[in-house]
Amino acid sequence: MKNEQTCTKTREVAIELGDCRSCQGCIDLNPDVFQWDEALDMPYVCRSKVTEEEVRDIMNTCPEGCIVFVDC
């Protein structure tokens, strides 16, 4: 029996705001997962349950590495 992981498994994603420099790249690449809070002037996760495939690009391109999985 093979132990296969698929990209369809949902995981919980978060933004480590202490490291974030508010470039808004996460919002540009994943607007259905990340949004901008005008009152706080920072990004936030609007849909925390995602597949790895949905956030792979932003995790690889975030200049500060702020996008993380919190369920590992």
Protein backbone atom coordinates (compact mmCIF):
# COMPACT_ATOMS: atom_id res chain seq x y z
CA MET A 1 0.00 0.00 0.00
CA LYS A 2 1.38 3.42 -1.00
CA ASN A 3 1.35 6.44 1.27
CA GLU A 4 0.46 9.26 -1.11
CA GLN A 5 -0.05 12.90 -0.24
CA THR A 6 -2.20 14.95 -2.55
CA CYS A 7 -2.56 18.68 -3.14
CA THR A 8 -6.25 18.45 -2.33
CA LYS A 9 -5.72 18.06 1.43
CA THR A 10 -6.73 21.27 3.16
CA ARG A 11 -4.40 22.93 5.62
CA GLU A 12 -4.60 26.01 7.79
CA VAL A 13 -2.55 28.96 6.56
CA ALA A 14 -1.55 32.13 8.41
CA ILE A 15 0.51 35.29 7.98
CA GLU A 16 3.32 35.96 10.45
CA LEU A 17 2.63 39.68 10.71
CA GLY A 18 5.76 40.45 12.73
CA ASP A 19 7.87 39.69 9.67
CA CYS A 20 5.46 41.14 7.08
CA ARG A 21 6.51 44.30 5.25
CA SER A 22 3.06 44.83 3.71
CA CYS A 23 4.11 44.30 0.09
CA GLN A 24 0.60 42.94 -0.68
CA GLY A 25 2.02 40.20 -2.89
CA CYS A 26 -0.11 37.62 -1.10
CA ILE A 27 -3.22 39.59 -2.01
CA ASP A 28 -2.11 40.00 -5.64
CA LEU A 29 -1.46 36.27 -6.05
CA ASN A 30 -4.26 34.88 -3.86
CA PRO A 31 -7.11 37.41 -3.45
CA ASP A 32 -9.54 34.66 -2.50
CA VAL A 33 -7.31 33.69 0.46
CA PHE A 34 -5.69 37.00 1.48
CA GLN A 35 -7.24 40.47 1.80
CA TRP A 36 -6.15 43.89 3.02
CA ASP A 37 -7.48 45.37 6.28
CA GLU A 38 -7.77 49.12 5.65
CA ALA A 39 -8.32 49.96 9.32
CA LEU A 40 -5.24 48.07 10.53
CA ASP A 41 -3.23 48.69 7.33
CA MET A 42 -2.10 45.08 7.04
CA PRO A 43 -2.99 41.86 5.23
CA TYR A 44 -5.15 39.14 6.76
CA VAL A 45 -6.24 35.62 5.90
CA CYS A 46 -9.88 35.65 4.80
CA ARG A 47 -10.04 31.88 4.14
CA SER A 48 -7.67 29.91 6.32
CA LYS A 49 -8.41 26.41 5.02
CA VAL A 50 -6.55 26.03 1.73
CA THR A 51 -4.78 23.42 -0.33
CA GLU A 52 -1.02 23.56 -0.64
CA GLU A 53 -1.43 24.18 -4.35
CA GLU A 54 -3.46 27.35 -3.69
CA VAL A 55 -0.70 29.02 -1.69
CA ARG A 56 2.46 27.41 -3.05
CA ASP A 57 3.36 30.36 -5.32
CA ILE A 58 3.02 33.02 -2.64
CA MET A 59 4.85 30.90 -0.07
CA ASN A 60 7.76 30.65 -2.51
CA THR A 61 7.73 34.35 -3.49
CA CYS A 62 6.91 36.13 -0.22
CA PRO A 63 10.00 38.30 0.39
CA GLU A 64 9.91 37.71 4.15
CA GLY A 65 8.55 34.14 4.21
CA CYS A 66 5.49 35.25 6.19
CA ILE A 67 2.99 32.80 4.75
CA VAL A 68 3.05 29.64 6.86
CA PHE A 69 1.03 26.55 7.61
CA VAL A 70 -0.07 26.40 11.24
CA ASP A 71 -1.29 22.82 11.31
CA CYS A 72 2.05 21.01 11.04
